[in-house]
């Protein structure tokens, strides 16, 4: 399996690898929407302050970026775009 972002398959099964992958996602998110990255980091620092509606709104805002990131990670961008076009 070939993964993007200098990720090895074994990274998906180890905490250290997942931490690196998370950092890559945060950088990816920052390029797309720095303010959204800031909101995510703030929520991670103090999740208790995030009320249910705000948490839902944050997840919905992040979802398309996560979808794009995962499509790039697994090398399925054309397939993901084709599926999105059908919806």
PDB file of N, CA and C in Angstrom:
ATOM      1  N   UNK A   1       0.852  -1.174   0.000  1.00  0.00           N
ATOM      2  CA  UNK A   1       0.000   0.000   0.000  1.00  0.00           C
ATOM      3  C   UNK A   1       0.898   1.237   0.000  1.00  0.00           C
ATOM      4  N   UNK A   2       0.575   2.165  -0.868  1.00  0.00           N
ATOM      5  CA  UNK A   2       1.327   3.408  -0.957  1.00  0.00           C
ATOM      6  C   UNK A   2       0.471   4.545  -0.402  1.00  0.00           C
ATOM      7  N   UNK A   3       1.014   5.258   0.560  1.00  0.00           N
ATOM      8  CA  UNK A   3       0.286   6.350   1.208  1.00  0.00           C
ATOM      9  C   UNK A   3       1.004   7.673   0.974  1.00  0.00           C
ATOM     10  N   UNK A   4       0.243   8.745   0.972  1.00  0.00           N
ATOM     11  CA  UNK A   4       0.809  10.086   0.788  1.00  0.00           C
ATOM     12  C   UNK A   4       1.312  10.640   2.114  1.00  0.00           C
ATOM     13  N   UNK A   5       1.866  11.827   2.063  1.00  0.00           N
ATOM     14  CA  UNK A   5       2.338  12.570   3.234  1.00  0.00           C
ATOM     15  C   UNK A   5       3.458  11.837   3.972  1.00  0.00           C
ATOM     16  N   UNK A   6       4.269  11.074   3.215  1.00  0.00           N
ATOM     17  CA  UNK A   6       5.378  10.314   3.822  1.00  0.00           C
ATOM     18  C   UNK A   6       4.895   9.384   4.926  1.00  0.00           C
ATOM     19  N   UNK A   7       3.708   8.844   4.741  1.00  0.00           N
ATOM     20  CA  UNK A   7       3.114   7.950   5.725  1.00  0.00           C
ATOM     21  C   UNK A   7       3.350   6.514   5.295  1.00  0.00           C
ATOM     22  N   UNK A   8       3.715   5.688   6.253  1.00  0.00           N
ATOM     23  CA  UNK A   8       3.891   4.261   6.005  1.00  0.00           C
ATOM     24  C   UNK A   8       2.668   3.531   6.548  1.00  0.00           C
ATOM     25  N   UNK A   9       2.310   2.404   5.968  1.00  0.00           N
ATOM     26  CA  UNK A   9       1.148   1.666   6.469  1.00  0.00           C
ATOM     27  C   UNK A   9       1.220   1.385   7.965  1.00  0.00           C
ATOM     28  N   UNK A  10       2.391   1.085   8.468  1.00  0.00           N
ATOM     29  CA  UNK A  10       2.516   0.784   9.902  1.00  0.00           C
ATOM     30  C   UNK A  10       2.240   2.007  10.784  1.00  0.00           C
ATOM     31  N   UNK A  11       2.337   3.200  10.193  1.00  0.00           N
ATOM     32  CA  UNK A  11       2.004   4.414  10.949  1.00  0.00           C
ATOM     33  C   UNK A  11       0.538   4.417  11.388  1.00  0.00           C
ATOM     34  N   UNK A  12      -0.297   3.723  10.630  1.00  0.00           N
ATOM     35  CA  UNK A  12      -1.722   3.683  10.950  1.00  0.00           C
ATOM     36  C   UNK A  12      -2.026   2.814  12.170  1.00  0.00           C
ATOM     37  N   UNK A  13      -1.032   2.070  12.635  1.00  0.00           N
ATOM     38  CA  UNK A  13      -1.227   1.137  13.743  1.00  0.00           C
ATOM     39  C   UNK A  13      -0.410   1.483  14.984  1.00  0.00           C
ATOM     40  N   UNK A  14       0.250   2.630  14.953  1.00  0.00           N
ATOM     41  CA  UNK A  14       1.104   3.008  16.082  1.00  0.00           C
ATOM     42  C   UNK A  14       0.793   4.441  16.506  1.00  0.00           C
ATOM     43  N   UNK A  15       0.801   4.669  17.783  1.00  0.00           N
ATOM     44  CA  UNK A  15       0.489   6.001  18.303  1.00  0.00           C
ATOM     45  C   UNK A  15       1.389   7.073  17.698  1.00  0.00           C
ATOM     46  N   UNK A  16       2.674   6.806  17.621  1.00  0.00           N
ATOM     47  CA  UNK A  16       3.608   7.794  17.080  1.00  0.00           C
ATOM     48  C   UNK A  16       3.265   8.129  15.628  1.00  0.00           C
ATOM     49  N   UNK A  17       2.913   7.116  14.864  1.00  0.00           N
ATOM     50  CA  UNK A  17       2.540   7.336  13.476  1.00  0.00           C
ATOM     51  C   UNK A  17       1.258   8.143  13.356  1.00  0.00           C
ATOM     52  N   UNK A  18       0.304   7.863  14.223  1.00  0.00           N
ATOM     53  CA  UNK A  18      -0.955   8.600  14.201  1.00  0.00           C
ATOM     54  C   UNK A  18      -0.764  10.045  14.638  1.00  0.00           C
ATOM     55  N   UNK A  19       0.139  10.263  15.568  1.00  0.00           N
ATOM     56  CA  UNK A  19       0.438  11.640  15.995  1.00  0.00           C
ATOM     57  C   UNK A  19       1.042  12.414  14.824  1.00  0.00           C
ATOM     58  N   UNK A  20       1.954  11.797  14.090  1.00  0.00           N
ATOM     59  CA  UNK A  20       2.543  12.452  12.913  1.00  0.00           C
ATOM     60  C   UNK A  20       1.475  12.709  11.847  1.00  0.00           C
ATOM     61  N   UNK A  21       0.594  11.738  11.642  1.00  0.00           N
ATOM     62  CA  UNK A  21      -0.466  11.898  10.654  1.00  0.00           C
ATOM     63  C   UNK A  21      -1.417  13.014  11.062  1.00  0.00           C
ATOM     64  N   UNK A  22      -1.713  13.114  12.352  1.00  0.00           N
ATOM     65  CA  UNK A  22      -2.560  14.196  12.842  1.00  0.00           C
ATOM     66  C   UNK A  22      -1.896  15.548  12.582  1.00  0.00           C
ATOM     67  N   UNK A  23      -0.595  15.636  12.803  1.00  0.00           N
ATOM     68  CA  UNK A  23       0.123  16.889  12.544  1.00  0.00           C
ATOM     69  C   UNK A  23       0.044  17.242  11.060  1.00  0.00           C
ATOM     70  N   UNK A  24       0.119  16.235  10.205  1.00  0.00           N
ATOM     71  CA  UNK A  24      -0.004  16.486   8.765  1.00  0.00           C
ATOM     72  C   UNK A  24      -1.410  16.966   8.425  1.00  0.00           C
ATOM     73  N   UNK A  25      -2.413  16.384   9.083  1.00  0.00           N
ATOM     74  CA  UNK A  25      -3.778  16.848   8.842  1.00  0.00           C
ATOM     75  C   UNK A  25      -3.945  18.290   9.294  1.00  0.00           C
ATOM     76  N   UNK A  26      -3.393  18.626  10.449  1.00  0.00           N
ATOM     77  CA  UNK A  26      -3.508  20.010  10.926  1.00  0.00           C
ATOM     78  C   UNK A  26      -2.846  20.983   9.953  1.00  0.00           C
ATOM     79  N   UNK A  27      -1.708  20.602   9.396  1.00  0.00           N
ATOM     80  CA  UNK A  27      -1.045  21.450   8.399  1.00  0.00           C
ATOM     81  C   UNK A  27      -1.902  21.559   7.140  1.00  0.00           C
ATOM     82  N   UNK A  28      -2.501  20.450   6.735  1.00  0.00           N
ATOM     83  CA  UNK A  28      -3.392  20.426   5.582  1.00  0.00           C
ATOM     84  C   UNK A  28      -4.590  21.343   5.812  1.00  0.00           C
ATOM     85  N   UNK A  29      -5.168  21.244   6.997  1.00  0.00           N
ATOM     86  CA  UNK A  29      -6.312  22.082   7.356  1.00  0.00           C
ATOM     87  C   UNK A  29      -5.907  23.549   7.408  1.00  0.00           C
ATOM     88  N   UNK A  30      -4.725  23.812   7.931  1.00  0.00           N
ATOM     89  CA  UNK A  30      -4.231  25.188   8.023  1.00  0.00           C
ATOM     90  C   UNK A  30      -4.112  25.826   6.647  1.00  0.00           C
ATOM     91  N   UNK A  31      -3.657  25.053   5.664  1.00  0.00           N
ATOM     92  CA  UNK A  31      -3.544  25.578   4.302  1.00  0.00           C
ATOM     93  C   UNK A  31      -4.909  25.928   3.728  1.00  0.00           C
ATOM     94  N   UNK A  32      -5.901  25.121   4.065  1.00  0.00           N
ATOM     95  CA  UNK A  32      -7.244  25.344   3.526  1.00  0.00           C
ATOM     96  C   UNK A  32      -8.012  26.405   4.291  1.00  0.00           C
ATOM     97  N   UNK A  33      -7.863  26.401   5.625  1.00  0.00           N
ATOM     98  CA  UNK A  33      -8.663  27.302   6.465  1.00  0.00           C
ATOM     99  C   UNK A  33      -7.999  27.424   7.835  1.00  0.00           C
ATOM    100  N   UNK A  34      -7.133  28.399   7.968  1.00  0.00           N
ATOM    101  CA  UNK A  34      -6.376  28.578   9.210  1.00  0.00           C
ATOM    102  C   UNK A  34      -7.295  28.841  10.404  1.00  0.00           C
ATOM    103  N   UNK A  35      -8.359  29.564  10.197  1.00  0.00           N
ATOM    104  CA  UNK A  35      -9.285  29.847  11.301  1.00  0.00           C
ATOM    105  C   UNK A  35      -9.950  28.569  11.790  1.00  0.00           C
ATOM    106  N   UNK A  36     -10.283  27.680  10.872  1.00  0.00           N
ATOM    107  CA  UNK A  36     -10.895  26.406  11.252  1.00  0.00           C
ATOM    108  C   UNK A  36      -9.905  25.548  12.033  1.00  0.00           C
ATOM    109  N   UNK A  37      -8.643  25.565  11.614  1.00  0.00           N
ATOM    110  CA  UNK A  37      -7.637  24.846  12.382  1.00  0.00           C
ATOM    111  C   UNK A  37      -7.569  25.413  13.800  1.00  0.00           C
ATOM    112  N   UNK A  38      -7.614  26.720  13.923  1.00  0.00           N
ATOM    113  CA  UNK A  38      -7.593  27.337  15.242  1.00  0.00           C
ATOM    114  C   UNK A  38      -8.772  26.901  16.095  1.00  0.00           C
ATOM    115  N   UNK A  39      -9.942  26.824  15.481  1.00  0.00           N
ATOM    116  CA  UNK A  39     -11.135  26.366  16.218  1.00  0.00           C
ATOM    117  C   UNK A  39     -10.964  24.920  16.678  1.00  0.00           C
ATOM    118  N   UNK A  40     -10.418  24.069  15.820  1.00  0.00           N
ATOM    119  CA  UNK A  40     -10.199  22.669  16.183  1.00  0.00           C
ATOM    120  C   UNK A  40      -9.193  22.559  17.322  1.00  0.00           C
ATOM    121  N   UNK A  41      -8.109  23.292  17.234  1.00  0.00           N
ATOM    122  CA  UNK A  41      -7.100  23.234  18.287  1.00  0.00           C
ATOM    123  C   UNK A  41      -7.653  23.760  19.612  1.00  0.00           C
ATOM    124  N   UNK A  42      -8.459  24.815  19.567  1.00  0.00           N
ATOM    125  CA  UNK A  42      -9.074  25.341  20.784  1.00  0.00           C
ATOM    126  C   UNK A  42     -10.006  24.297  21.405  1.00  0.00           C
ATOM    127  N   UNK A  43     -10.766  23.614  20.559  1.00  0.00           N
ATOM    128  CA  UNK A  43     -11.673  22.574  21.061  1.00  0.00           C
ATOM    129  C   UNK A  43     -10.897  21.410  21.661  1.00  0.00           C
ATOM    130  N   UNK A  44      -9.774  21.091  21.067  1.00  0.00           N
ATOM    131  CA  UNK A  44      -8.950  20.006  21.614  1.00  0.00           C
ATOM    132  C   UNK A  44      -8.341  20.399  22.962  1.00  0.00           C
ATOM    133  N   UNK A  45      -7.934  21.655  23.085  1.00  0.00           N
ATOM    134  CA  UNK A  45      -7.319  22.101  24.343  1.00  0.00           C
ATOM    135  C   UNK A  45      -8.310  22.065  25.503  1.00  0.00           C
ATOM    136  N   UNK A  46      -9.553  22.425  25.216  1.00  0.00           N
ATOM    137  CA  UNK A  46     -10.542  22.509  26.298  1.00  0.00           C
ATOM    138  C   UNK A  46     -11.901  22.031  25.776  1.00  0.00           C
ATOM    139  N   UNK A  47     -12.051  20.725  25.594  1.00  0.00           N
ATOM    140  CA  UNK A  47     -13.288  20.211  25.010  1.00  0.00           C
ATOM    141  C   UNK A  47     -14.528  20.460  25.862  1.00  0.00           C
ATOM    142  N   UNK A  48     -14.349  20.641  27.148  1.00  0.00           N
ATOM    143  CA  UNK A  48     -15.502  20.858  28.032  1.00  0.00           C
ATOM    144  C   UNK A  48     -16.214  22.171  27.743  1.00  0.00           C
ATOM    145  N   UNK A  49     -15.534  23.118  27.134  1.00  0.00           N
ATOM    146  CA  UNK A  49     -16.154  24.416  26.853  1.00  0.00           C
ATOM    147  C   UNK A  49     -16.975  24.404  25.575  1.00  0.00           C
ATOM    148  N   UNK A  50     -16.890  23.330  24.822  1.00  0.00           N
ATOM    149  CA  UNK A  50     -17.588  23.239  23.549  1.00  0.00           C
ATOM    150  C   UNK A  50     -18.969  22.613  23.767  1.00  0.00           C
ATOM    151  N   UNK A  51     -19.999  23.410  23.619  1.00  0.00           N
ATOM    152  CA  UNK A  51     -21.362  22.894  23.774  1.00  0.00           C
ATOM    153  C   UNK A  51     -21.693  21.999  22.577  1.00  0.00           C
ATOM    154  N   UNK A  52     -22.713  21.168  22.725  1.00  0.00           N
ATOM    155  CA  UNK A  52     -23.033  20.155  21.717  1.00  0.00           C
ATOM    156  C   UNK A  52     -23.236  20.755  20.324  1.00  0.00           C
ATOM    157  N   UNK A  53     -23.974  21.851  20.228  1.00  0.00           N
ATOM    158  CA  UNK A  53     -24.235  22.447  18.916  1.00  0.00           C
ATOM    159  C   UNK A  53     -22.933  22.947  18.284  1.00  0.00           C
ATOM    160  N   UNK A  54     -22.089  23.587  19.061  1.00  0.00           N
ATOM    161  CA  UNK A  54     -20.816  24.086  18.537  1.00  0.00           C
ATOM    162  C   UNK A  54     -19.913  22.928  18.112  1.00  0.00           C
ATOM    163  N   UNK A  55     -19.955  21.845  18.868  1.00  0.00           N
ATOM    164  CA  UNK A  55     -19.169  20.669  18.497  1.00  0.00           C
ATOM    165  C   UNK A  55     -19.652  20.111  17.162  1.00  0.00           C
ATOM    166  N   UNK A  56     -20.963  20.006  17.010  1.00  0.00           N
ATOM    167  CA  UNK A  56     -21.534  19.518  15.746  1.00  0.00           C
ATOM    168  C   UNK A  56     -21.155  20.426  14.584  1.00  0.00           C
ATOM    169  N   UNK A  57     -21.241  21.728  14.789  1.00  0.00           N
ATOM    170  CA  UNK A  57     -20.888  22.681  13.734  1.00  0.00           C
ATOM    171  C   UNK A  57     -19.422  22.567  13.352  1.00  0.00           C
ATOM    172  N   UNK A  58     -18.569  22.355  14.349  1.00  0.00           N
ATOM    173  CA  UNK A  58     -17.140  22.192  14.084  1.00  0.00           C
ATOM    174  C   UNK A  58     -16.887  20.920  13.282  1.00  0.00           C
ATOM    175  N   UNK A  59     -17.514  19.833  13.665  1.00  0.00           N
ATOM    176  CA  UNK A  59     -17.341  18.573  12.941  1.00  0.00           C
ATOM    177  C   UNK A  59     -17.824  18.691  11.498  1.00  0.00           C
ATOM    178  N   UNK A  60     -18.938  19.352  11.295  1.00  0.00           N
ATOM    179  CA  UNK A  60     -19.471  19.533   9.946  1.00  0.00           C
ATOM    180  C   UNK A  60     -18.533  20.404   9.109  1.00  0.00           C
ATOM    181  N   UNK A  61     -17.951  21.417   9.718  1.00  0.00           N
ATOM    182  CA  UNK A  61     -17.025  22.299   8.994  1.00  0.00           C
ATOM    183  C   UNK A  61     -15.733  21.568   8.623  1.00  0.00           C
ATOM    184  N   UNK A  62     -15.285  20.669   9.484  1.00  0.00           N
ATOM    185  CA  UNK A  62     -14.026  19.945   9.247  1.00  0.00           C
ATOM    186  C   UNK A  62     -14.212  18.804   8.252  1.00  0.00           C
ATOM    187  N   UNK A  63     -15.390  18.221   8.204  1.00  0.00           N
ATOM    188  CA  UNK A  63     -15.631  17.004   7.419  1.00  0.00           C
ATOM    189  C   UNK A  63     -15.143  17.067   5.975  1.00  0.00           C
ATOM    190  N   UNK A  64     -15.445  18.112   5.202  1.00  0.00           N
ATOM    191  CA  UNK A  64     -14.976  18.106   3.808  1.00  0.00           C
ATOM    192  C   UNK A  64     -13.453  18.147   3.699  1.00  0.00           C
ATOM    193  N   UNK A  65     -12.804  18.797   4.640  1.00  0.00           N
ATOM    194  CA  UNK A  65     -11.339  18.855   4.625  1.00  0.00           C
ATOM    195  C   UNK A  65     -10.752  17.491   4.982  1.00  0.00           C
ATOM    196  N   UNK A  66     -11.367  16.821   5.938  1.00  0.00           N
ATOM    197  CA  UNK A  66     -10.910  15.483   6.309  1.00  0.00           C
ATOM    198  C   UNK A  66     -11.112  14.522   5.141  1.00  0.00           C
ATOM    199  N   UNK A  67     -12.232  14.649   4.455  1.00  0.00           N
ATOM    200  CA  UNK A  67     -12.488  13.805   3.287  1.00  0.00           C
ATOM    201  C   UNK A  67     -11.408  14.021   2.222  1.00  0.00           C
ATOM    202  N   UNK A  68     -11.066  15.274   1.953  1.00  0.00           N
ATOM    203  CA  UNK A  68     -10.013  15.568   0.977  1.00  0.00           C
ATOM    204  C   UNK A  68      -8.662  15.018   1.432  1.00  0.00           C
ATOM    205  N   UNK A  69      -8.363  15.171   2.713  1.00  0.00           N
ATOM    206  CA  UNK A  69      -7.105  14.674   3.264  1.00  0.00           C
ATOM    207  C   UNK A  69      -7.018  13.157   3.109  1.00  0.00           C
ATOM    208  N   UNK A  70      -8.077  12.454   3.465  1.00  0.00           N
ATOM    209  CA  UNK A  70      -8.074  10.994   3.375  1.00  0.00           C
ATOM    210  C   UNK A  70      -7.983  10.529   1.928  1.00  0.00           C
ATOM    211  N   UNK A  71      -8.642  11.237   1.028  1.00  0.00           N
ATOM    212  CA  UNK A  71      -8.547  10.889  -0.394  1.00  0.00           C
ATOM    213  C   UNK A  71      -7.106  11.023  -0.874  1.00  0.00           C
ATOM    214  N   UNK A  72      -6.424  12.077  -0.457  1.00  0.00           N
ATOM    215  CA  UNK A  72      -5.019  12.236  -0.832  1.00  0.00           C
ATOM    216  C   UNK A  72      -4.150  11.191  -0.155  1.00  0.00           C
ATOM    217  N   UNK A  73      -4.395  10.940   1.116  1.00  0.00           N
ATOM    218  CA  UNK A  73      -3.599   9.960   1.862  1.00  0.00           C
ATOM    219  C   UNK A  73      -3.629   8.600   1.176  1.00  0.00           C
ATOM    220  N   UNK A  74      -4.810   8.160   0.780  1.00  0.00           N
ATOM    221  CA  UNK A  74      -4.956   6.828   0.197  1.00  0.00           C
ATOM    222  C   UNK A  74      -4.879   6.817  -1.327  1.00  0.00           C
ATOM    223  N   UNK A  75      -4.625   7.988  -1.936  1.00  0.00           N
ATOM    224  CA  UNK A  75      -4.453   8.050  -3.380  1.00  0.00           C
ATOM    225  C   UNK A  75      -5.721   7.755  -4.161  1.00  0.00           C
ATOM    226  N   UNK A  76      -6.848   8.228  -3.637  1.00  0.00           N
ATOM    227  CA  UNK A  76      -8.127   7.976  -4.305  1.00  0.00           C
ATOM    228  C   UNK A  76      -8.852   9.287  -4.640  1.00  0.00           C
ATOM    229  N   UNK A  77      -8.094  10.313  -4.934  1.00  0.00           N
ATOM    230  CA  UNK A  77      -8.697  11.622  -5.214  1.00  0.00           C
ATOM    231  C   UNK A  77      -9.685  11.557  -6.384  1.00  0.00           C
ATOM    232  N   UNK A  78      -9.316  10.971  -7.537  1.00  0.00           N
ATOM    233  CA  UNK A  78     -10.281  10.946  -8.642  1.00  0.00           C
ATOM    234  C   UNK A  78     -11.574  10.204  -8.282  1.00  0.00           C
ATOM    235  N   UNK A  79     -11.436   9.110  -7.565  1.00  0.00           N
ATOM    236  CA  UNK A  79     -12.612   8.337  -7.168  1.00  0.00           C
ATOM    237  C   UNK A  79     -13.498   9.140  -6.204  1.00  0.00           C
ATOM    238  N   UNK A  80     -12.873   9.811  -5.259  1.00  0.00           N
ATOM    239  CA  UNK A  80     -13.634  10.629  -4.300  1.00  0.00           C
ATOM    240  C   UNK A  80     -14.329  11.781  -5.005  1.00  0.00           C
ATOM    241  N   UNK A  81     -13.639  12.396  -5.952  1.00  0.00           N
ATOM    242  CA  UNK A  81     -14.246  13.491  -6.710  1.00  0.00           C
ATOM    243  C   UNK A  81     -15.421  12.989  -7.554  1.00  0.00           C
ATOM    244  N   UNK A  82     -15.283  11.807  -8.126  1.00  0.00           N
ATOM    245  CA  UNK A  82     -16.375  11.233  -8.928  1.00  0.00           C
ATOM    246  C   UNK A  82     -17.591  10.970  -8.052  1.00  0.00           C
ATOM    247  N   UNK A  83     -17.366  10.429  -6.867  1.00  0.00           N
ATOM    248  CA  UNK A  83     -18.477  10.196  -5.948  1.00  0.00           C
ATOM    249  C   UNK A  83     -19.133  11.501  -5.527  1.00  0.00           C
ATOM    250  N   UNK A  84     -18.321  12.506  -5.243  1.00  0.00           N
ATOM    251  CA  UNK A  84     -18.864  13.813  -4.837  1.00  0.00           C
ATOM    252  C   UNK A  84     -19.679  14.436  -5.963  1.00  0.00           C
ATOM    253  N   UNK A  85     -19.241  14.250  -7.178  1.00  0.00           N
ATOM    254  CA  UNK A  85     -19.945  14.818  -8.331  1.00  0.00           C
ATOM    255  C   UNK A  85     -21.322  14.186  -8.508  1.00  0.00           C
ATOM    256  N   UNK A  86     -21.454  12.925  -8.100  1.00  0.00           N
ATOM    257  CA  UNK A  86     -22.746  12.245  -8.212  1.00  0.00           C
ATOM    258  C   UNK A  86     -23.758  12.760  -7.203  1.00  0.00           C
ATOM    259  N   UNK A  87     -23.270  13.363  -6.131  1.00  0.00           N
ATOM    260  CA  UNK A  87     -24.165  13.864  -5.082  1.00  0.00           C
ATOM    261  C   UNK A  87     -24.432  15.301  -5.346  1.00  0.00           C
TER     262      UNK A  87
END
